[in-house]
Amino acid sequence: MTAGAGTPAPALRGGGSLRALRKSQFAFLLWIFAPVLSLFIIIRVIPIFVILIFSFTNYSITKAFWRWTGLANFERLLGDDNFLVALWNSTVYVLVAVPAEILLGLFFAVLLSRRVRFESFYETLYFLPYIIPMVPAAIIWKWIYAPGSFGMANHY
């Protein structure tokens, strides 16, 4: 038998697009994503719009009424020296500290992935920030539950 020009092989299904999905599959996907999407809208999107609206008013929790102030809040904010200092500090932190932390973490990751001299010293330096807060917590709990009249829990 020879290989002739018979019927072509059927095309593979599944283009990966939404058009390739059937209506039942699309409805199923909507039912799957509806709870997550609704929670996202309730928890993230609606509060952003509420805060955006309140930023143009003189809203206060203690006042029953509020009035529209327009851009006056933003003018006052940009004129405040404390805000400008805080904005500068945040900018410096983002431009200096964040890349430094990323590079330091990458440096330790490379050191810990290889066999290097003083490997245990580098591991200690890496895990020290996780261990240090446990020590004061242990001392405080020991003080709370100390036997006799010394423990804080024994006074109640």
N, C-alpha and C. Protein backbone atom coordinates (compact mmCIF):
# COMPACT_ATOMS: atom_id res chain seq x y z
N MET A 1 0.83 -1.17 0.00
CA MET A 1 0.00 0.00 0.00
C MET A 1 0.88 1.23 0.00
N THR A 2 0.44 2.14 -0.74
CA THR A 2 1.18 3.39 -0.83
C THR A 2 0.46 4.46 -0.08
N ALA A 3 1.21 5.41 0.37
CA ALA A 3 0.61 6.53 1.08
C ALA A 3 0.10 7.50 0.04
N GLY A 4 -1.18 7.57 -0.05
CA GLY A 4 -1.78 8.44 -1.06
C GLY A 4 -2.32 9.71 -0.45
N ALA A 5 -2.95 10.44 -1.28
CA ALA A 5 -3.52 11.71 -0.83
C ALA A 5 -4.95 11.45 -0.40
N GLY A 6 -5.09 10.77 0.70
CA GLY A 6 -6.41 10.46 1.22
C GLY A 6 -7.03 11.66 1.91
N THR A 7 -7.93 11.39 2.79
CA THR A 7 -8.59 12.48 3.51
C THR A 7 -7.62 13.08 4.52
N PRO A 8 -7.65 14.38 4.67
CA PRO A 8 -6.73 15.00 5.62
C PRO A 8 -7.10 14.64 7.06
N ALA A 9 -6.10 14.67 7.91
CA ALA A 9 -6.33 14.37 9.32
C ALA A 9 -7.19 15.47 9.93
N PRO A 10 -8.05 15.11 10.86
CA PRO A 10 -8.90 16.13 11.46
C PRO A 10 -8.05 17.13 12.26
N ALA A 11 -8.47 18.38 12.24
CA ALA A 11 -7.74 19.43 12.96
C ALA A 11 -7.89 19.23 14.46
N LEU A 12 -6.84 19.55 15.17
CA LEU A 12 -6.88 19.43 16.62
C LEU A 12 -7.80 20.49 17.20
N ARG A 13 -8.55 20.13 18.21
CA ARG A 13 -9.47 21.06 18.85
C ARG A 13 -8.77 21.81 19.96
N GLY A 14 -9.36 22.89 20.36
CA GLY A 14 -8.86 23.64 21.51
C GLY A 14 -7.85 24.69 21.11
N GLY A 15 -8.34 25.80 20.67
CA GLY A 15 -7.46 26.89 20.30
C GLY A 15 -6.99 27.68 21.50
N GLY A 16 -7.59 27.45 22.65
CA GLY A 16 -7.19 28.17 23.85
C GLY A 16 -7.86 29.53 23.99
N SER A 17 -8.78 29.86 23.11
CA SER A 17 -9.45 31.15 23.23
C SER A 17 -10.86 30.96 23.77
N LEU A 18 -11.47 32.08 24.15
CA LEU A 18 -12.83 32.01 24.67
C LEU A 18 -13.83 31.64 23.58
N ARG A 19 -13.51 31.95 22.32
CA ARG A 19 -14.42 31.58 21.24
C ARG A 19 -14.49 30.08 21.08
N ALA A 20 -13.41 29.38 21.41
CA ALA A 20 -13.40 27.93 21.25
C ALA A 20 -14.24 27.25 22.32
N LEU A 21 -14.54 27.95 23.40
CA LEU A 21 -15.34 27.35 24.46
C LEU A 21 -16.80 27.28 24.04
N ARG A 22 -17.42 26.23 24.42
CA ARG A 22 -18.85 26.13 24.19
C ARG A 22 -19.59 26.93 25.25
N LYS A 23 -20.84 27.19 25.01
CA LYS A 23 -21.62 28.00 25.95
C LYS A 23 -21.69 27.35 27.32
N SER A 24 -21.79 26.05 27.38
CA SER A 24 -21.87 25.39 28.69
C SER A 24 -20.55 25.51 29.44
N GLN A 25 -19.44 25.42 28.72
CA GLN A 25 -18.14 25.57 29.37
C GLN A 25 -17.95 27.00 29.87
N PHE A 26 -18.39 27.97 29.08
CA PHE A 26 -18.26 29.37 29.48
C PHE A 26 -19.14 29.65 30.70
N ALA A 27 -20.34 29.10 30.72
CA ALA A 27 -21.22 29.28 31.88
C ALA A 27 -20.61 28.64 33.13
N PHE A 28 -19.99 27.48 32.96
CA PHE A 28 -19.33 26.83 34.09
C PHE A 28 -18.19 27.69 34.62
N LEU A 29 -17.40 28.27 33.73
CA LEU A 29 -16.31 29.15 34.16
C LEU A 29 -16.85 30.37 34.90
N LEU A 30 -17.95 30.91 34.43
CA LEU A 30 -18.55 32.06 35.13
C LEU A 30 -18.99 31.66 36.53
N TRP A 31 -19.57 30.49 36.68
CA TRP A 31 -19.99 30.04 38.01
C TRP A 31 -18.79 29.80 38.92
N ILE A 32 -17.69 29.34 38.35
CA ILE A 32 -16.48 29.10 39.15
C ILE A 32 -15.88 30.42 39.63
N PHE A 33 -15.81 31.41 38.73
CA PHE A 33 -15.15 32.67 39.07
C PHE A 33 -16.07 33.68 39.74
N ALA A 34 -17.36 33.46 39.74
CA ALA A 34 -18.30 34.43 40.31
C ALA A 34 -18.06 34.71 41.79
N PRO A 35 -17.85 33.71 42.65
CA PRO A 35 -17.62 34.03 44.07
C PRO A 35 -16.34 34.84 44.29
N VAL A 36 -15.27 34.46 43.62
CA VAL A 36 -14.01 35.18 43.78
C VAL A 36 -14.13 36.59 43.24
N LEU A 37 -14.76 36.73 42.09
CA LEU A 37 -14.92 38.05 41.50
C LEU A 37 -15.81 38.93 42.35
N SER A 38 -16.88 38.38 42.90
CA SER A 38 -17.76 39.19 43.75
C SER A 38 -17.05 39.60 45.04
N LEU A 39 -16.28 38.69 45.65
CA LEU A 39 -15.51 39.07 46.84
C LEU A 39 -14.48 40.14 46.52
N PHE A 40 -13.83 40.02 45.38
CA PHE A 40 -12.85 41.02 44.98
C PHE A 40 -13.52 42.38 44.81
N ILE A 41 -14.68 42.40 44.20
CA ILE A 41 -15.39 43.67 44.01
C ILE A 41 -15.82 44.24 45.35
N ILE A 42 -16.33 43.40 46.25
CA ILE A 42 -16.80 43.89 47.55
C ILE A 42 -15.64 44.35 48.42
N ILE A 43 -14.55 43.61 48.44
CA ILE A 43 -13.45 43.90 49.36
C ILE A 43 -12.49 44.95 48.81
N ARG A 44 -12.27 44.99 47.50
CA ARG A 44 -11.27 45.88 46.93
C ARG A 44 -11.85 47.05 46.13
N VAL A 45 -12.73 46.77 45.20
CA VAL A 45 -13.16 47.80 44.24
C VAL A 45 -14.09 48.82 44.88
N ILE A 46 -15.11 48.36 45.58
CA ILE A 46 -16.08 49.29 46.19
C ILE A 46 -15.42 50.21 47.21
N PRO A 47 -14.57 49.71 48.13
CA PRO A 47 -13.91 50.65 49.05
C PRO A 47 -13.04 51.69 48.36
N ILE A 48 -12.42 51.33 47.26
CA ILE A 48 -11.61 52.31 46.53
C ILE A 48 -12.49 53.44 46.01
N PHE A 49 -13.64 53.10 45.45
CA PHE A 49 -14.54 54.15 44.95
C PHE A 49 -15.12 54.98 46.08
N VAL A 50 -15.43 54.35 47.22
CA VAL A 50 -15.96 55.10 48.36
C VAL A 50 -14.91 56.07 48.89
N ILE A 51 -13.68 55.62 49.01
CA ILE A 51 -12.61 56.50 49.49
C ILE A 51 -12.36 57.63 48.49
N LEU A 52 -12.44 57.32 47.21
CA LEU A 52 -12.26 58.35 46.20
C LEU A 52 -13.35 59.42 46.31
N ILE A 53 -14.57 59.01 46.54
CA ILE A 53 -15.67 59.98 46.71
C ILE A 53 -15.47 60.77 47.99
N PHE A 54 -15.12 60.11 49.09
CA PHE A 54 -14.93 60.81 50.36
C PHE A 54 -13.75 61.78 50.31
N SER A 55 -12.78 61.52 49.45
CA SER A 55 -11.62 62.42 49.39
C SER A 55 -11.99 63.80 48.84
N PHE A 56 -13.12 63.92 48.19
CA PHE A 56 -13.58 65.21 47.68
C PHE A 56 -14.62 65.86 48.59
N THR A 57 -14.77 65.35 49.82
CA THR A 57 -15.74 65.91 50.77
C THR A 57 -15.04 66.23 52.08
N ASN A 58 -15.78 66.84 53.00
CA ASN A 58 -15.26 67.07 54.35
C ASN A 58 -15.82 66.01 55.31
N TYR A 59 -15.91 64.78 54.85
CA TYR A 59 -16.52 63.68 55.60
C TYR A 59 -15.77 63.42 56.91
N SER A 60 -16.54 63.16 57.95
CA SER A 60 -15.99 62.76 59.24
C SER A 60 -16.95 61.76 59.86
N ILE A 61 -16.42 60.80 60.57
CA ILE A 61 -17.26 59.79 61.21
C ILE A 61 -18.14 60.42 62.28
N THR A 62 -17.64 61.46 62.93
CA THR A 62 -18.39 62.07 64.03
C THR A 62 -19.47 63.03 63.56
N LYS A 63 -19.43 63.46 62.31
CA LYS A 63 -20.43 64.38 61.79
C LYS A 63 -21.50 63.62 61.02
N ALA A 64 -22.74 64.07 61.16
CA ALA A 64 -23.82 63.41 60.45
C ALA A 64 -23.88 63.86 58.99
N PHE A 65 -23.48 65.09 58.72
CA PHE A 65 -23.57 65.63 57.38
C PHE A 65 -22.17 65.95 56.86
N TRP A 66 -22.04 65.91 55.57
CA TRP A 66 -20.79 66.28 54.93
C TRP A 66 -21.12 67.05 53.67
N ARG A 67 -20.16 67.88 53.24
CA ARG A 67 -20.39 68.66 52.03
C ARG A 67 -19.23 68.47 51.06
N TRP A 68 -19.52 68.75 49.82
CA TRP A 68 -18.55 68.59 48.75
C TRP A 68 -17.52 69.71 48.84
N THR A 69 -16.22 69.35 48.86
CA THR A 69 -15.17 70.37 48.93
C THR A 69 -14.33 70.42 47.67
N GLY A 70 -14.49 69.49 46.78
CA GLY A 70 -13.71 69.49 45.54
C GLY A 70 -12.25 69.15 45.79
N LEU A 71 -11.37 69.94 45.22
CA LEU A 71 -9.93 69.68 45.33
C LEU A 71 -9.29 70.37 46.53
N ALA A 72 -10.08 70.96 47.41
CA ALA A 72 -9.52 71.68 48.56
C ALA A 72 -8.72 70.76 49.48
N ASN A 73 -9.16 69.53 49.66
CA ASN A 73 -8.40 68.59 50.50
C ASN A 73 -7.02 68.31 49.92
N PHE A 74 -6.95 68.17 48.59
CA PHE A 74 -5.67 67.88 47.96
C PHE A 74 -4.76 69.11 47.96
N GLU A 75 -5.34 70.30 47.82
CA GLU A 75 -4.54 71.52 47.91
C GLU A 75 -3.93 71.65 49.30
N ARG A 76 -4.73 71.38 50.32
CA ARG A 76 -4.23 71.45 51.69
C ARG A 76 -3.16 70.38 51.94
N LEU A 77 -3.36 69.20 51.37
CA LEU A 77 -2.40 68.11 51.54
C LEU A 77 -1.06 68.44 50.89
N LEU A 78 -1.09 68.96 49.68
CA LEU A 78 0.16 69.29 48.99
C LEU A 78 0.85 70.50 49.60
N GLY A 79 0.13 71.31 50.36
CA GLY A 79 0.74 72.44 51.04
C GLY A 79 1.31 72.10 52.40
N ASP A 80 1.05 70.90 52.89
CA ASP A 80 1.51 70.49 54.21
C ASP A 80 2.95 69.98 54.13
N ASP A 81 3.82 70.56 54.96
CA ASP A 81 5.23 70.16 54.95
C ASP A 81 5.43 68.73 55.43
N ASN A 82 4.63 68.29 56.39
CA ASN A 82 4.76 66.92 56.89
C ASN A 82 4.46 65.90 55.80
N PHE A 83 3.46 66.19 54.97
CA PHE A 83 3.13 65.27 53.88
C PHE A 83 4.28 65.19 52.88
N LEU A 84 4.87 66.33 52.56
CA LEU A 84 5.97 66.32 51.59
C LEU A 84 7.18 65.57 52.14
N VAL A 85 7.45 65.70 53.43
CA VAL A 85 8.55 64.94 54.05
C VAL A 85 8.23 63.45 54.02
N ALA A 86 7.00 63.09 54.34
CA ALA A 86 6.60 61.67 54.32
C ALA A 86 6.67 61.11 52.90
N LEU A 87 6.26 61.91 51.92
CA LEU A 87 6.33 61.47 50.53
C LEU A 87 7.78 61.27 50.10
N TRP A 88 8.66 62.16 50.51
CA TRP A 88 10.09 62.03 50.19
C TRP A 88 10.67 60.78 50.86
N ASN A 89 10.35 60.56 52.13
CA ASN A 89 10.86 59.39 52.84
C ASN A 89 10.38 58.10 52.18
N SER A 90 9.13 58.06 51.78
CA SER A 90 8.60 56.86 51.12
C SER A 90 9.29 56.62 49.79
N THR A 91 9.54 57.69 49.05
CA THR A 91 10.21 57.56 47.76
C THR A 91 11.64 57.04 47.93
N VAL A 92 12.35 57.58 48.89
CA VAL A 92 13.72 57.12 49.15
C VAL A 92 13.70 55.66 49.58
N TYR A 93 12.75 55.28 50.42
CA TYR A 93 12.67 53.90 50.87
C TYR A 93 12.44 52.96 49.69
N VAL A 94 11.52 53.34 48.80
CA VAL A 94 11.21 52.48 47.66
C VAL A 94 12.40 52.38 46.71
N LEU A 95 13.11 53.47 46.53
CA LEU A 95 14.22 53.47 45.57
C LEU A 95 15.52 52.90 46.12
N VAL A 96 15.67 52.88 47.46
CA VAL A 96 16.93 52.41 48.05
C VAL A 96 16.75 51.08 48.79
N ALA A 97 15.84 51.06 49.74
CA ALA A 97 15.72 49.89 50.62
C ALA A 97 15.17 48.67 49.90
N VAL A 98 14.18 48.84 49.06
CA VAL A 98 13.58 47.68 48.39
C VAL A 98 14.59 47.00 47.46
N PRO A 99 15.28 47.72 46.57
CA PRO A 99 16.30 47.02 45.76
C PRO A 99 17.43 46.43 46.61
N ALA A 100 17.81 47.12 47.68
CA ALA A 100 18.87 46.57 48.54
C ALA A 100 18.43 45.26 49.18
N GLU A 101 17.19 45.19 49.63
CA GLU A 101 16.68 43.95 50.22
C GLU A 101 16.62 42.83 49.19
N ILE A 102 16.21 43.17 47.98
CA ILE A 102 16.14 42.16 46.93
C ILE A 102 17.54 41.64 46.60
N LEU A 103 18.49 42.55 46.45
CA LEU A 103 19.87 42.13 46.14
C LEU A 103 20.49 41.34 47.28
N LEU A 104 20.23 41.75 48.52
CA LEU A 104 20.76 41.01 49.67
C LEU A 104 20.15 39.61 49.74
N GLY A 105 18.86 39.50 49.51
CA GLY A 105 18.22 38.19 49.49
C GLY A 105 18.75 37.31 48.38
N LEU A 106 18.97 37.90 47.21
CA LEU A 106 19.54 37.15 46.09
C LEU A 106 20.96 36.70 46.40
N PHE A 107 21.73 37.57 47.04
CA PHE A 107 23.10 37.23 47.44
C PHE A 107 23.11 36.03 48.38
N PHE A 108 22.25 36.06 49.41
CA PHE A 108 22.21 34.93 50.35
C PHE A 108 21.67 33.67 49.68
N ALA A 109 20.74 33.81 48.75
CA ALA A 109 20.22 32.64 48.05
C ALA A 109 21.32 31.96 47.25
N VAL A 110 22.15 32.76 46.59
CA VAL A 110 23.26 32.19 45.83
C VAL A 110 24.26 31.55 46.77
N LEU A 111 24.56 32.20 47.90
CA LEU A 111 25.51 31.63 48.86
C LEU A 111 25.01 30.31 49.44
N LEU A 112 23.71 30.25 49.74
CA LEU A 112 23.18 29.04 50.36
C LEU A 112 22.96 27.92 49.36
N SER A 113 22.93 28.24 48.07
CA SER A 113 22.71 27.18 47.08
C SER A 113 24.01 26.49 46.68
N ARG A 114 25.14 27.07 47.05
CA ARG A 114 26.45 26.50 46.71
C ARG A 114 27.17 26.05 47.97
N ARG A 115 28.17 25.26 47.75
CA ARG A 115 29.07 24.88 48.84
C ARG A 115 30.15 25.95 48.91
N VAL A 116 30.10 26.76 49.96
CA VAL A 116 31.09 27.83 50.12
C VAL A 116 31.69 27.75 51.50
N ARG A 117 32.77 28.45 51.66
CA ARG A 117 33.42 28.52 52.96
C ARG A 117 32.53 29.32 53.91
N PHE A 118 32.47 28.95 55.16
CA PHE A 118 31.63 29.59 56.19
C PHE A 118 30.14 29.50 55.84
N GLU A 119 29.72 28.37 55.28
CA GLU A 119 28.33 28.20 54.89
C GLU A 119 27.39 28.30 56.08
N SER A 120 27.76 27.70 57.20
CA SER A 120 26.89 27.76 58.38
C SER A 120 26.79 29.18 58.93
N PHE A 121 27.85 29.97 58.79
CA PHE A 121 27.81 31.37 59.21
C PHE A 121 26.80 32.15 58.38
N TYR A 122 26.78 31.94 57.06
CA TYR A 122 25.82 32.62 56.19
C TYR A 122 24.39 32.17 56.48
N GLU A 123 24.22 30.88 56.78
CA GLU A 123 22.89 30.40 57.14
C GLU A 123 22.42 31.05 58.43
N THR A 124 23.32 31.20 59.39
CA THR A 124 22.97 31.87 60.64
C THR A 124 22.58 33.32 60.39
N LEU A 125 23.34 34.02 59.58
CA LEU A 125 23.00 35.41 59.25
C LEU A 125 21.65 35.51 58.55
N TYR A 126 21.36 34.52 57.70
CA TYR A 126 20.11 34.54 56.96
C TYR A 126 18.90 34.31 57.87
N PHE A 127 19.01 33.37 58.79
CA PHE A 127 17.87 33.02 59.64
C PHE A 127 17.80 33.82 60.93
N LEU A 128 18.78 34.63 61.23
CA LEU A 128 18.80 35.42 62.46
C LEU A 128 17.58 36.33 62.61
N PRO A 129 17.13 37.04 61.58
CA PRO A 129 15.94 37.88 61.75
C PRO A 129 14.67 37.10 62.11
N TYR A 130 14.62 35.82 61.77
CA TYR A 130 13.47 35.00 62.12
C TYR A 130 13.57 34.47 63.54
N ILE A 131 14.79 34.29 64.03
CA ILE A 131 15.00 33.71 65.35
C ILE A 131 14.94 34.76 66.45
N ILE A 132 15.45 35.94 66.20
CA ILE A 132 15.56 36.97 67.24
C ILE A 132 14.21 37.33 67.86
N PRO A 133 13.12 37.53 67.12
CA PRO A 133 11.86 37.87 67.79
C PRO A 133 11.32 36.77 68.70
N MET A 134 11.73 35.53 68.49
CA MET A 134 11.26 34.44 69.34
C MET A 134 11.86 34.51 70.74
N VAL A 135 13.05 35.04 70.86
CA VAL A 135 13.72 35.09 72.17
C VAL A 135 12.98 36.03 73.12
N PRO A 136 12.68 37.28 72.76
CA PRO A 136 11.90 38.12 73.69
C PRO A 136 10.52 37.55 73.97
N ALA A 137 9.90 36.93 72.97
CA ALA A 137 8.58 36.34 73.20
C ALA A 137 8.67 35.22 74.22
N ALA A 138 9.69 34.39 74.13
CA ALA A 138 9.86 33.30 75.10
C ALA A 138 10.11 33.86 76.50
N ILE A 139 10.91 34.92 76.60
CA ILE A 139 11.18 35.53 77.91
C ILE A 139 9.90 36.11 78.51
N ILE A 140 9.10 36.77 77.68
CA ILE A 140 7.85 37.36 78.18
C ILE A 140 6.89 36.28 78.64
N TRP A 141 6.74 35.19 77.86
CA TRP A 141 5.84 34.11 78.28
C TRP A 141 6.35 33.44 79.56
N LYS A 142 7.65 33.31 79.68
CA LYS A 142 8.22 32.74 80.91
C LYS A 142 7.90 33.64 82.10
N TRP A 143 7.96 34.94 81.90
CA TRP A 143 7.64 35.90 82.95
C TRP A 143 6.15 35.85 83.31
N ILE A 144 5.29 35.67 82.31
CA ILE A 144 3.85 35.61 82.58
C ILE A 144 3.51 34.37 83.39
N TYR A 145 4.11 33.23 83.06
CA TYR A 145 3.77 31.98 83.72
C TYR A 145 4.77 31.58 84.80
N ALA A 146 5.55 32.50 85.31
CA ALA A 146 6.54 32.18 86.34
C ALA A 146 5.84 31.64 87.58
N PRO A 147 6.42 30.61 88.22
CA PRO A 147 5.77 30.04 89.41
C PRO A 147 5.84 30.99 90.60
N GLY A 148 4.97 30.74 91.54
CA GLY A 148 4.95 31.57 92.75
C GLY A 148 4.24 32.88 92.50
N SER A 149 4.65 33.89 93.22
CA SER A 149 3.98 35.18 93.10
C SER A 149 4.64 36.09 92.07
N PHE A 150 5.59 35.56 91.32
CA PHE A 150 6.30 36.39 90.34
C PHE A 150 5.59 36.47 89.00
N GLY A 151 4.83 35.46 88.64
CA GLY A 151 4.17 35.45 87.34
C GLY A 151 2.96 36.36 87.27
N MET A 152 2.81 37.03 86.14
CA MET A 152 1.68 37.95 85.98
C MET A 152 0.35 37.20 85.96
N ALA A 153 0.34 35.98 85.42
CA ALA A 153 -0.90 35.21 85.35
C ALA A 153 -1.35 34.77 86.74
N ASN A 154 -0.46 34.75 87.70
CA ASN A 154 -0.82 34.31 89.05
C ASN A 154 -1.51 35.41 89.85
N HIS A 155 -1.55 36.62 89.36
CA HIS A 155 -2.18 37.71 90.08
C HIS A 155 -3.68 37.81 89.80
N TYR A 156 -4.20 37.00 88.91
CA TYR A 156 -5.62 37.10 88.57
C TYR A 156 -6.37 35.86 88.94
